[in-house]
Amino acid sequence: MSFNELDELLAEDVPSGPDAEQLPLLVVVDDDATIRKSLQAVLSPRYRVVLCASARDGVAAVTEEVCAVILDVKMKGYDGFWACNEIRKSHPDVPISTRPTRT
């Protein structure tokens, strides 16, 4: 996708009010509250965003309605690899994007 195509996509009208229920559902799993809130701010105009602070909560949040998951790899307790494996067991086709942790 070119930058021009991306600009055109972002310029499209975004549903609000009752039409917002038609937006795709995205799950963000990260134990860093700042990252969760930042991703929500960026993504919420185009997606209904469910925020999860742990791998267990993230796995529980994934339903048939979810269009994609953004997943932190390094978290306390169960990590993103565990969550990815668990999500794949029940929802093998949902796209999962991992957010690498900087060291």
PDB file of N, CA and C in Angstrom:
ATOM      1  N   MET A   1       0.850  -1.173   0.000  1.00  0.00           N
ATOM      2  CA  MET A   1       0.000   0.000   0.000  1.00  0.00           C
ATOM      3  C   MET A   1       0.894   1.233   0.000  1.00  0.00           C
ATOM      4  N   SER A   2       0.581   2.164  -0.862  1.00  0.00           N
ATOM      5  CA  SER A   2       1.356   3.396  -0.937  1.00  0.00           C
ATOM      6  C   SER A   2       0.895   4.377   0.138  1.00  0.00           C
ATOM      7  N   PHE A   3       1.716   5.397   0.392  1.00  0.00           N
ATOM      8  CA  PHE A   3       1.334   6.420   1.361  1.00  0.00           C
ATOM      9  C   PHE A   3       0.083   7.165   0.901  1.00  0.00           C
ATOM     10  N   ASN A   4      -0.054   7.376  -0.413  1.00  0.00           N
ATOM     11  CA  ASN A   4      -1.245   8.052  -0.940  1.00  0.00           C
ATOM     12  C   ASN A   4      -2.499   7.231  -0.662  1.00  0.00           C
ATOM     13  N   GLU A   5      -2.413   5.904  -0.866  1.00  0.00           N
ATOM     14  CA  GLU A   5      -3.556   5.032  -0.596  1.00  0.00           C
ATOM     15  C   GLU A   5      -3.904   5.033   0.888  1.00  0.00           C
ATOM     16  N   LEU A   6      -2.870   5.055   1.732  1.00  0.00           N
ATOM     17  CA  LEU A   6      -3.106   5.114   3.174  1.00  0.00           C
ATOM     18  C   LEU A   6      -3.777   6.426   3.560  1.00  0.00           C
ATOM     19  N   ASP A   7      -3.310   7.522   2.999  1.00  0.00           N
ATOM     20  CA  ASP A   7      -3.930   8.824   3.268  1.00  0.00           C
ATOM     21  C   ASP A   7      -5.399   8.837   2.854  1.00  0.00           C
ATOM     22  N   GLU A   8      -5.705   8.252   1.696  1.00  0.00           N
ATOM     23  CA  GLU A   8      -7.092   8.188   1.233  1.00  0.00           C
ATOM     24  C   GLU A   8      -7.955   7.352   2.178  1.00  0.00           C
ATOM     25  N   LEU A   9      -7.403   6.230   2.631  1.00  0.00           N
ATOM     26  CA  LEU A   9      -8.130   5.372   3.558  1.00  0.00           C
ATOM     27  C   LEU A   9      -8.413   6.099   4.864  1.00  0.00           C
ATOM     28  N   LEU A  10      -7.437   6.804   5.385  1.00  0.00           N
ATOM     29  CA  LEU A  10      -7.613   7.525   6.648  1.00  0.00           C
ATOM     30  C   LEU A  10      -8.538   8.727   6.500  1.00  0.00           C
ATOM     31  N   ALA A  11      -8.687   9.251   5.293  1.00  0.00           N
ATOM     32  CA  ALA A  11      -9.550  10.407   5.066  1.00  0.00           C
ATOM     33  C   ALA A  11     -11.018  10.029   4.955  1.00  0.00           C
ATOM     34  N   GLU A  12     -11.316   8.733   4.807  1.00  0.00           N
ATOM     35  CA  GLU A  12     -12.706   8.296   4.688  1.00  0.00           C
ATOM     36  C   GLU A  12     -13.467   8.607   5.974  1.00  0.00           C
ATOM     37  N   ASP A  13     -14.771   8.792   5.830  1.00  0.00           N
ATOM     38  CA  ASP A  13     -15.607   9.042   6.995  1.00  0.00           C
ATOM     39  C   ASP A  13     -15.591   7.843   7.923  1.00  0.00           C
ATOM     40  N   VAL A  14     -15.534   8.126   9.209  1.00  0.00           N
ATOM     41  CA  VAL A  14     -15.532   7.082  10.225  1.00  0.00           C
ATOM     42  C   VAL A  14     -16.884   7.095  10.918  1.00  0.00           C
ATOM     43  N   PRO A  15     -17.535   5.941  11.035  1.00  0.00           N
ATOM     44  CA  PRO A  15     -18.841   5.910  11.696  1.00  0.00           C
ATOM     45  C   PRO A  15     -18.742   6.363  13.157  1.00  0.00           C
ATOM     46  N   SER A  16     -19.801   6.993  13.636  1.00  0.00           N
ATOM     47  CA  SER A  16     -19.878   7.371  15.043  1.00  0.00           C
ATOM     48  C   SER A  16     -21.289   7.082  15.533  1.00  0.00           C
ATOM     49  N   GLY A  17     -21.499   7.200  16.837  1.00  0.00           N
ATOM     50  CA  GLY A  17     -22.813   6.919  17.406  1.00  0.00           C
ATOM     51  C   GLY A  17     -23.188   5.463  17.212  1.00  0.00           C
ATOM     52  N   PRO A  18     -24.451   5.195  16.877  1.00  0.00           N
ATOM     53  CA  PRO A  18     -24.889   3.811  16.707  1.00  0.00           C
ATOM     54  C   PRO A  18     -24.141   3.072  15.598  1.00  0.00           C
ATOM     55  N   ASP A  19     -23.674   3.806  14.591  1.00  0.00           N
ATOM     56  CA  ASP A  19     -22.928   3.179  13.493  1.00  0.00           C
ATOM     57  C   ASP A  19     -21.566   2.666  13.945  1.00  0.00           C
ATOM     58  N   ALA A  20     -21.077   3.155  15.077  1.00  0.00           N
ATOM     59  CA  ALA A  20     -19.780   2.703  15.580  1.00  0.00           C
ATOM     60  C   ALA A  20     -19.805   1.218  15.909  1.00  0.00           C
ATOM     61  N   GLU A  21     -20.987   0.668  16.184  1.00  0.00           N
ATOM     62  CA  GLU A  21     -21.113  -0.768  16.456  1.00  0.00           C
ATOM     63  C   GLU A  21     -20.749  -1.591  15.227  1.00  0.00           C
ATOM     64  N   GLN A  22     -20.729  -0.977  14.063  1.00  0.00           N
ATOM     65  CA  GLN A  22     -20.379  -1.667  12.828  1.00  0.00           C
ATOM     66  C   GLN A  22     -18.862  -1.729  12.617  1.00  0.00           C
ATOM     67  N   LEU A  23     -18.110  -0.997  13.438  1.00  0.00           N
ATOM     68  CA  LEU A  23     -16.656  -1.019  13.297  1.00  0.00           C
ATOM     69  C   LEU A  23     -16.106  -2.393  13.670  1.00  0.00           C
ATOM     70  N   PRO A  24     -15.010  -2.810  13.037  1.00  0.00           N
ATOM     71  CA  PRO A  24     -14.391  -4.085  13.390  1.00  0.00           C
ATOM     72  C   PRO A  24     -13.875  -4.060  14.832  1.00  0.00           C
ATOM     73  N   LEU A  25     -13.858  -5.218  15.468  1.00  0.00           N
ATOM     74  CA  LEU A  25     -13.419  -5.350  16.857  1.00  0.00           C
ATOM     75  C   LEU A  25     -11.970  -5.816  16.900  1.00  0.00           C
ATOM     76  N   LEU A  26     -11.150  -5.091  17.644  1.00  0.00           N
ATOM     77  CA  LEU A  26      -9.727  -5.366  17.759  1.00  0.00           C
ATOM     78  C   LEU A  26      -9.376  -5.536  19.228  1.00  0.00           C
ATOM     79  N   VAL A  27      -8.554  -6.539  19.559  1.00  0.00           N
ATOM     80  CA  VAL A  27      -8.106  -6.758  20.938  1.00  0.00           C
ATOM     81  C   VAL A  27      -6.637  -6.356  21.042  1.00  0.00           C
ATOM     82  N   VAL A  28      -6.326  -5.515  22.021  1.00  0.00           N
ATOM     83  CA  VAL A  28      -4.950  -5.098  22.306  1.00  0.00           C
ATOM     84  C   VAL A  28      -4.564  -5.689  23.654  1.00  0.00           C
ATOM     85  N   VAL A  29      -3.468  -6.463  23.675  1.00  0.00           N
ATOM     86  CA  VAL A  29      -3.007  -7.113  24.898  1.00  0.00           C
ATOM     87  C   VAL A  29      -1.605  -6.611  25.203  1.00  0.00           C
ATOM     88  N   ASP A  30      -1.470  -5.869  26.299  1.00  0.00           N
ATOM     89  CA  ASP A  30      -0.171  -5.337  26.698  1.00  0.00           C
ATOM     90  C   ASP A  30      -0.217  -5.026  28.186  1.00  0.00           C
ATOM     91  N   ASP A  31       0.824  -5.367  28.918  1.00  0.00           N
ATOM     92  CA  ASP A  31       0.831  -5.091  30.350  1.00  0.00           C
ATOM     93  C   ASP A  31       1.252  -3.661  30.680  1.00  0.00           C
ATOM     94  N   ASP A  32       1.605  -2.883  29.673  1.00  0.00           N
ATOM     95  CA  ASP A  32       1.982  -1.481  29.854  1.00  0.00           C
ATOM     96  C   ASP A  32       0.768  -0.602  29.547  1.00  0.00           C
ATOM     97  N   ALA A  33       0.245   0.059  30.574  1.00  0.00           N
ATOM     98  CA  ALA A  33      -0.963   0.874  30.423  1.00  0.00           C
ATOM     99  C   ALA A  33      -0.775   2.005  29.412  1.00  0.00           C
ATOM    100  N   THR A  34       0.410   2.570  29.356  1.00  0.00           N
ATOM    101  CA  THR A  34       0.673   3.660  28.410  1.00  0.00           C
ATOM    102  C   THR A  34       0.567   3.161  26.968  1.00  0.00           C
ATOM    103  N   ILE A  35       1.108   1.996  26.711  1.00  0.00           N
ATOM    104  CA  ILE A  35       1.028   1.417  25.358  1.00  0.00           C
ATOM    105  C   ILE A  35      -0.425   1.124  25.005  1.00  0.00           C
ATOM    106  N   ARG A  36      -1.165   0.528  25.953  1.00  0.00           N
ATOM    107  CA  ARG A  36      -2.577   0.215  25.688  1.00  0.00           C
ATOM    108  C   ARG A  36      -3.350   1.473  25.336  1.00  0.00           C
ATOM    109  N   LYS A  37      -3.207   2.496  26.135  1.00  0.00           N
ATOM    110  CA  LYS A  37      -3.949   3.740  25.903  1.00  0.00           C
ATOM    111  C   LYS A  37      -3.516   4.420  24.604  1.00  0.00           C
ATOM    112  N   SER A  38      -2.227   4.357  24.289  1.00  0.00           N
ATOM    113  CA  SER A  38      -1.739   4.959  23.040  1.00  0.00           C
ATOM    114  C   SER A  38      -2.321   4.246  21.828  1.00  0.00           C
ATOM    115  N   LEU A  39      -2.312   2.921  21.872  1.00  0.00           N
ATOM    116  CA  LEU A  39      -2.892   2.162  20.758  1.00  0.00           C
ATOM    117  C   LEU A  39      -4.385   2.416  20.642  1.00  0.00           C
ATOM    118  N   GLN A  40      -5.063   2.536  21.778  1.00  0.00           N
ATOM    119  CA  GLN A  40      -6.491   2.830  21.740  1.00  0.00           C
ATOM    120  C   GLN A  40      -6.737   4.190  21.087  1.00  0.00           C
ATOM    121  N   ALA A  41      -5.933   5.179  21.441  1.00  0.00           N
ATOM    122  CA  ALA A  41      -6.105   6.519  20.872  1.00  0.00           C
ATOM    123  C   ALA A  41      -5.913   6.509  19.356  1.00  0.00           C
ATOM    124  N   VAL A  42      -4.942   5.760  18.886  1.00  0.00           N
ATOM    125  CA  VAL A  42      -4.655   5.715  17.454  1.00  0.00           C
ATOM    126  C   VAL A  42      -5.694   4.884  16.700  1.00  0.00           C
ATOM    127  N   LEU A  43      -6.132   3.783  17.299  1.00  0.00           N
ATOM    128  CA  LEU A  43      -6.988   2.833  16.592  1.00  0.00           C
ATOM    129  C   LEU A  43      -8.485   3.077  16.747  1.00  0.00           C
ATOM    130  N   SER A  44      -8.897   3.754  17.801  1.00  0.00           N
ATOM    131  CA  SER A  44     -10.331   3.872  18.090  1.00  0.00           C
ATOM    132  C   SER A  44     -11.158   4.593  17.029  1.00  0.00           C
ATOM    133  N   PRO A  45     -10.597   5.466  16.217  1.00  0.00           N
ATOM    134  CA  PRO A  45     -11.444   6.024  15.160  1.00  0.00           C
ATOM    135  C   PRO A  45     -11.893   4.985  14.126  1.00  0.00           C
ATOM    136  N   ARG A  46     -11.147   3.915  13.976  1.00  0.00           N
ATOM    137  CA  ARG A  46     -11.440   2.921  12.943  1.00  0.00           C
ATOM    138  C   ARG A  46     -11.864   1.559  13.486  1.00  0.00           C
ATOM    139  N   TYR A  47     -11.666   1.338  14.788  1.00  0.00           N
ATOM    140  CA  TYR A  47     -11.966   0.042  15.395  1.00  0.00           C
ATOM    141  C   TYR A  47     -12.636   0.219  16.744  1.00  0.00           C
ATOM    142  N   ARG A  48     -13.426  -0.774  17.133  1.00  0.00           N
ATOM    143  CA  ARG A  48     -13.824  -0.904  18.532  1.00  0.00           C
ATOM    144  C   ARG A  48     -12.665  -1.639  19.184  1.00  0.00           C
ATOM    145  N   VAL A  49     -12.074  -1.054  20.193  1.00  0.00           N
ATOM    146  CA  VAL A  49     -10.848  -1.584  20.784  1.00  0.00           C
ATOM    147  C   VAL A  49     -11.137  -2.119  22.183  1.00  0.00           C
ATOM    148  N   VAL A  50     -10.751  -3.381  22.412  1.00  0.00           N
ATOM    149  CA  VAL A  50     -10.820  -3.988  23.739  1.00  0.00           C
ATOM    150  C   VAL A  50      -9.400  -4.031  24.266  1.00  0.00           C
ATOM    151  N   LEU A  51      -9.184  -3.446  25.444  1.00  0.00           N
ATOM    152  CA  LEU A  51      -7.856  -3.400  26.045  1.00  0.00           C
ATOM    153  C   LEU A  51      -7.737  -4.472  27.119  1.00  0.00           C
ATOM    154  N   CYS A  52      -6.626  -5.210  27.099  1.00  0.00           N
ATOM    155  CA  CYS A  52      -6.377  -6.260  28.081  1.00  0.00           C
ATOM    156  C   CYS A  52      -4.978  -6.076  28.658  1.00  0.00           C
ATOM    157  N   ALA A  53      -4.867  -6.175  29.991  1.00  0.00           N
ATOM    158  CA  ALA A  53      -3.599  -5.943  30.675  1.00  0.00           C
ATOM    159  C   ALA A  53      -2.790  -7.208  30.889  1.00  0.00           C
ATOM    160  N   SER A  54      -3.349  -8.370  30.573  1.00  0.00           N
ATOM    161  CA  SER A  54      -2.610  -9.619  30.774  1.00  0.00           C
ATOM    162  C   SER A  54      -2.916 -10.591  29.644  1.00  0.00           C
ATOM    163  N   ALA A  55      -2.038 -11.576  29.512  1.00  0.00           N
ATOM    164  CA  ALA A  55      -2.229 -12.596  28.485  1.00  0.00           C
ATOM    165  C   ALA A  55      -3.519 -13.368  28.729  1.00  0.00           C
ATOM    166  N   ARG A  56      -3.798 -13.698  29.975  1.00  0.00           N
ATOM    167  CA  ARG A  56      -5.036 -14.428  30.294  1.00  0.00           C
ATOM    168  C   ARG A  56      -6.276 -13.630  29.897  1.00  0.00           C
ATOM    169  N   ASP A  57      -6.293 -12.333  30.223  1.00  0.00           N
ATOM    170  CA  ASP A  57      -7.433 -11.488  29.855  1.00  0.00           C
ATOM    171  C   ASP A  57      -7.566 -11.391  28.339  1.00  0.00           C
ATOM    172  N   GLY A  58      -6.434 -11.306  27.651  1.00  0.00           N
ATOM    173  CA  GLY A  58      -6.457 -11.215  26.202  1.00  0.00           C
ATOM    174  C   GLY A  58      -7.037 -12.458  25.558  1.00  0.00           C
ATOM    175  N   VAL A  59      -6.630 -13.623  26.046  1.00  0.00           N
ATOM    176  CA  VAL A  59      -7.161 -14.876  25.510  1.00  0.00           C
ATOM    177  C   VAL A  59      -8.665 -14.936  25.735  1.00  0.00           C
ATOM    178  N   ALA A  60      -9.105 -14.540  26.923  1.00  0.00           N
ATOM    179  CA  ALA A  60     -10.534 -14.566  27.244  1.00  0.00           C
ATOM    180  C   ALA A  60     -11.336 -13.580  26.395  1.00  0.00           C
ATOM    181  N   ALA A  61     -10.706 -12.488  25.944  1.00  0.00           N
ATOM    182  CA  ALA A  61     -11.412 -11.446  25.189  1.00  0.00           C
ATOM    183  C   ALA A  61     -11.625 -11.803  23.725  1.00  0.00           C
ATOM    184  N   VAL A  62     -10.896 -12.769  23.214  1.00  0.00           N
ATOM    185  CA  VAL A  62     -10.997 -13.110  21.797  1.00  0.00           C
ATOM    186  C   VAL A  62     -12.241 -13.965  21.559  1.00  0.00           C
ATOM    187  N   THR A  63     -13.128 -13.433  20.725  1.00  0.00           N
ATOM    188  CA  THR A  63     -14.362 -14.116  20.349  1.00  0.00           C
ATOM    189  C   THR A  63     -14.415 -14.218  18.828  1.00  0.00           C
ATOM    190  N   GLU A  64     -15.486 -14.794  18.337  1.00  0.00           N
ATOM    191  CA  GLU A  64     -15.665 -14.914  16.883  1.00  0.00           C
ATOM    192  C   GLU A  64     -15.770 -13.543  16.216  1.00  0.00           C
ATOM    193  N   GLU A  65     -16.152 -12.547  16.965  1.00  0.00           N
ATOM    194  CA  GLU A  65     -16.339 -11.202  16.424  1.00  0.00           C
ATOM    195  C   GLU A  65     -15.024 -10.446  16.207  1.00  0.00           C
ATOM    196  N   VAL A  66     -13.958 -10.869  16.860  1.00  0.00           N
ATOM    197  CA  VAL A  66     -12.673 -10.166  16.801  1.00  0.00           C
ATOM    198  C   VAL A  66     -12.040 -10.317  15.423  1.00  0.00           C
ATOM    199  N   CYS A  67     -11.604  -9.185  14.854  1.00  0.00           N
ATOM    200  CA  CYS A  67     -10.995  -9.224  13.523  1.00  0.00           C
ATOM    201  C   CYS A  67      -9.484  -9.363  13.592  1.00  0.00           C
ATOM    202  N   ALA A  68      -8.857  -8.956  14.718  1.00  0.00           N
ATOM    203  CA  ALA A  68      -7.405  -9.051  14.847  1.00  0.00           C
ATOM    204  C   ALA A  68      -7.000  -8.811  16.300  1.00  0.00           C
ATOM    205  N   VAL A  69      -5.764  -9.240  16.621  1.00  0.00           N
ATOM    206  CA  VAL A  69      -5.213  -9.066  17.964  1.00  0.00           C
ATOM    207  C   VAL A  69      -3.839  -8.429  17.842  1.00  0.00           C
ATOM    208  N   ILE A  70      -3.577  -7.429  18.674  1.00  0.00           N
ATOM    209  CA  ILE A  70      -2.231  -6.863  18.809  1.00  0.00           C
ATOM    210  C   ILE A  70      -1.733  -7.335  20.165  1.00  0.00           C
ATOM    211  N   LEU A  71      -0.595  -8.007  20.168  1.00  0.00           N
ATOM    212  CA  LEU A  71      -0.149  -8.748  21.330  1.00  0.00           C
ATOM    213  C   LEU A  71       1.287  -8.403  21.687  1.00  0.00           C
ATOM    214  N   ASP A  72       1.512  -7.994  22.930  1.00  0.00           N
ATOM    215  CA  ASP A  72       2.865  -7.783  23.440  1.00  0.00           C
ATOM    216  C   ASP A  72       3.500  -9.154  23.662  1.00  0.00           C
ATOM    217  N   VAL A  73       4.771  -9.284  23.370  1.00  0.00           N
ATOM    218  CA  VAL A  73       5.448 -10.562  23.525  1.00  0.00           C
ATOM    219  C   VAL A  73       5.908 -10.767  24.964  1.00  0.00           C
ATOM    220  N   LYS A  74       6.520  -9.750  25.535  1.00  0.00           N
ATOM    221  CA  LYS A  74       7.116  -9.886  26.868  1.00  0.00           C
ATOM    222  C   LYS A  74       6.195  -9.249  27.913  1.00  0.00           C
ATOM    223  N   MET A  75       5.549 -10.117  28.687  1.00  0.00           N
ATOM    224  CA  MET A  75       4.667  -9.653  29.761  1.00  0.00           C
ATOM    225  C   MET A  75       4.947 -10.474  31.011  1.00  0.00           C
ATOM    226  N   LYS A  76       4.588  -9.925  32.152  1.00  0.00           N
ATOM    227  CA  LYS A  76       4.724 -10.668  33.411  1.00  0.00           C
ATOM    228  C   LYS A  76       3.711 -11.804  33.436  1.00  0.00           C
ATOM    229  N   GLY A  77       4.051 -12.869  34.113  1.00  0.00           N
ATOM    230  CA  GLY A  77       3.152 -14.019  34.148  1.00  0.00           C
ATOM    231  C   GLY A  77       3.204 -14.730  32.814  1.00  0.00           C
ATOM    232  N   TYR A  78       2.043 -15.053  32.270  1.00  0.00           N
ATOM    233  CA  TYR A  78       2.004 -15.665  30.945  1.00  0.00           C
ATOM    234  C   TYR A  78       2.427 -14.631  29.913  1.00  0.00           C
ATOM    235  N   ASP A  79       3.276 -15.043  28.985  1.00  0.00           N
ATOM    236  CA  ASP A  79       3.778 -14.093  27.986  1.00  0.00           C
ATOM    237  C   ASP A  79       2.940 -14.142  26.706  1.00  0.00           C
ATOM    238  N   GLY A  80       3.340 -13.331  25.750  1.00  0.00           N
ATOM    239  CA  GLY A  80       2.614 -13.249  24.492  1.00  0.00           C
ATOM    240  C   GLY A  80       2.667 -14.523  23.667  1.00  0.00           C
ATOM    241  N   PHE A  81       3.750 -15.284  23.800  1.00  0.00           N
ATOM    242  CA  PHE A  81       3.828 -16.555  23.070  1.00  0.00           C
ATOM    243  C   PHE A  81       2.767 -17.527  23.578  1.00  0.00           C
ATOM    244  N   TRP A  82       2.596 -17.565  24.883  1.00  0.00           N
ATOM    245  CA  TRP A  82       1.555 -18.416  25.470  1.00  0.00           C
ATOM    246  C   TRP A  82       0.181 -17.970  24.975  1.00  0.00           C
ATOM    247  N   ALA A  83      -0.062 -16.664  25.026  1.00  0.00           N
ATOM    248  CA  ALA A  83      -1.358 -16.134  24.592  1.00  0.00           C
ATOM    249  C   ALA A  83      -1.612 -16.458  23.122  1.00  0.00           C
ATOM    250  N   CYS A  84      -0.606 -16.289  22.295  1.00  0.00           N
ATOM    251  CA  CYS A  84      -0.755 -16.579  20.870  1.00  0.00           C
ATOM    252  C   CYS A  84      -1.134 -18.047  20.660  1.00  0.00           C
ATOM    253  N   ASN A  85      -0.448 -18.947  21.344  1.00  0.00           N
ATOM    254  CA  ASN A  85      -0.761 -20.373  21.221  1.00  0.00           C
ATOM    255  C   ASN A  85      -2.185 -20.678  21.679  1.00  0.00           C
ATOM    256  N   GLU A  86      -2.615 -20.060  22.761  1.00  0.00           N
ATOM    257  CA  GLU A  86      -3.966 -20.288  23.279  1.00  0.00           C
ATOM    258  C   GLU A  86      -5.028 -19.741  22.323  1.00  0.00           C
ATOM    259  N   ILE A  87      -4.786 -18.572  21.779  1.00  0.00           N
ATOM    260  CA  ILE A  87      -5.736 -17.976  20.832  1.00  0.00           C
ATOM    261  C   ILE A  87      -5.827 -18.845  19.578  1.00  0.00           C
ATOM    262  N   ARG A  88      -4.694 -19.333  19.107  1.00  0.00           N
ATOM    263  CA  ARG A  88      -4.671 -20.179  17.906  1.00  0.00           C
ATOM    264  C   ARG A  88      -5.483 -21.471  18.096  1.00  0.00           C
ATOM    265  N   LYS A  89      -5.537 -21.985  19.322  1.00  0.00           N
ATOM    266  CA  LYS A  89      -6.291 -23.216  19.579  1.00  0.00           C
ATOM    267  C   LYS A  89      -7.776 -23.035  19.273  1.00  0.00           C
ATOM    268  N   SER A  90      -8.333 -21.898  19.661  1.00  0.00           N
ATOM    269  CA  SER A  90      -9.770 -21.687  19.481  1.00  0.00           C
ATOM    270  C   SER A  90     -10.117 -20.798  18.288  1.00  0.00           C
ATOM    271  N   HIS A  91      -9.184 -19.984  17.841  1.00  0.00           N
ATOM    272  CA  HIS A  91      -9.421 -19.056  16.732  1.00  0.00           C
ATOM    273  C   HIS A  91      -8.204 -19.071  15.801  1.00  0.00           C
ATOM    274  N   PRO A  92      -8.013 -20.149  15.067  1.00  0.00           N
ATOM    275  CA  PRO A  92      -6.785 -20.299  14.269  1.00  0.00           C
ATOM    276  C   PRO A  92      -6.625 -19.290  13.138  1.00  0.00           C
ATOM    277  N   ASP A  93      -7.699 -18.663  12.713  1.00  0.00           N
ATOM    278  CA  ASP A  93      -7.618 -17.761  11.562  1.00  0.00           C
ATOM    279  C   ASP A  93      -7.535 -16.279  11.917  1.00  0.00           C
ATOM    280  N   VAL A  94      -7.657 -15.936  13.199  1.00  0.00           N
ATOM    281  CA  VAL A  94      -7.611 -14.523  13.565  1.00  0.00           C
ATOM    282  C   VAL A  94      -6.167 -14.014  13.410  1.00  0.00           C
ATOM    283  N   PRO A  95      -5.987 -12.889  12.716  1.00  0.00           N
ATOM    284  CA  PRO A  95      -4.643 -12.331  12.576  1.00  0.00           C
ATOM    285  C   PRO A  95      -4.118 -11.837  13.923  1.00  0.00           C
ATOM    286  N   ILE A  96      -2.864 -12.163  14.214  1.00  0.00           N
ATOM    287  CA  ILE A  96      -2.218 -11.724  15.449  1.00  0.00           C
ATOM    288  C   ILE A  96      -0.937 -11.003  15.079  1.00  0.00           C
ATOM    289  N   SER A  97      -0.827  -9.769  15.538  1.00  0.00           N
ATOM    290  CA  SER A  97       0.383  -8.989  15.324  1.00  0.00           C
ATOM    291  C   SER A  97       1.072  -8.838  16.671  1.00  0.00           C
ATOM    292  N   THR A  98       2.362  -9.165  16.723  1.00  0.00           N
ATOM    293  CA  THR A  98       3.076  -9.030  17.989  1.00  0.00           C
ATOM    294  C   THR A  98       3.768  -7.682  18.044  1.00  0.00           C
ATOM    295  N   ARG A  99       3.778  -7.146  19.246  1.00  0.00           N
ATOM    296  CA  ARG A  99       4.452  -5.880  19.498  1.00  0.00           C
ATOM    297  C   ARG A  99       5.735  -6.215  20.240  1.00  0.00           C
ATOM    298  N   PRO A 100       6.893  -6.143  19.544  1.00  0.00           N
ATOM    299  CA  PRO A 100       8.137  -6.487  20.224  1.00  0.00           C
ATOM    300  C   PRO A 100       8.442  -5.490  21.328  1.00  0.00           C
ATOM    301  N   THR A 101       9.053  -5.969  22.363  1.00  0.00           N
ATOM    302  CA  THR A 101       9.422  -5.132  23.503  1.00  0.00           C
ATOM    303  C   THR A 101      10.843  -4.631  23.316  1.00  0.00           C
ATOM    304  N   ARG A 102      11.031  -3.356  23.512  1.00  0.00           N
ATOM    305  CA  ARG A 102      12.379  -2.803  23.428  1.00  0.00           C
ATOM    306  C   ARG A 102      13.109  -3.100  24.725  1.00  0.00           C
ATOM    307  N   THR A 103      14.388  -3.345  24.621  1.00  0.00           N
ATOM    308  CA  THR A 103      15.187  -3.625  25.822  1.00  0.00           C
ATOM    309  C   THR A 103      16.041  -2.473  26.188  1.00  0.00           C
TER     310      THR A 103
END
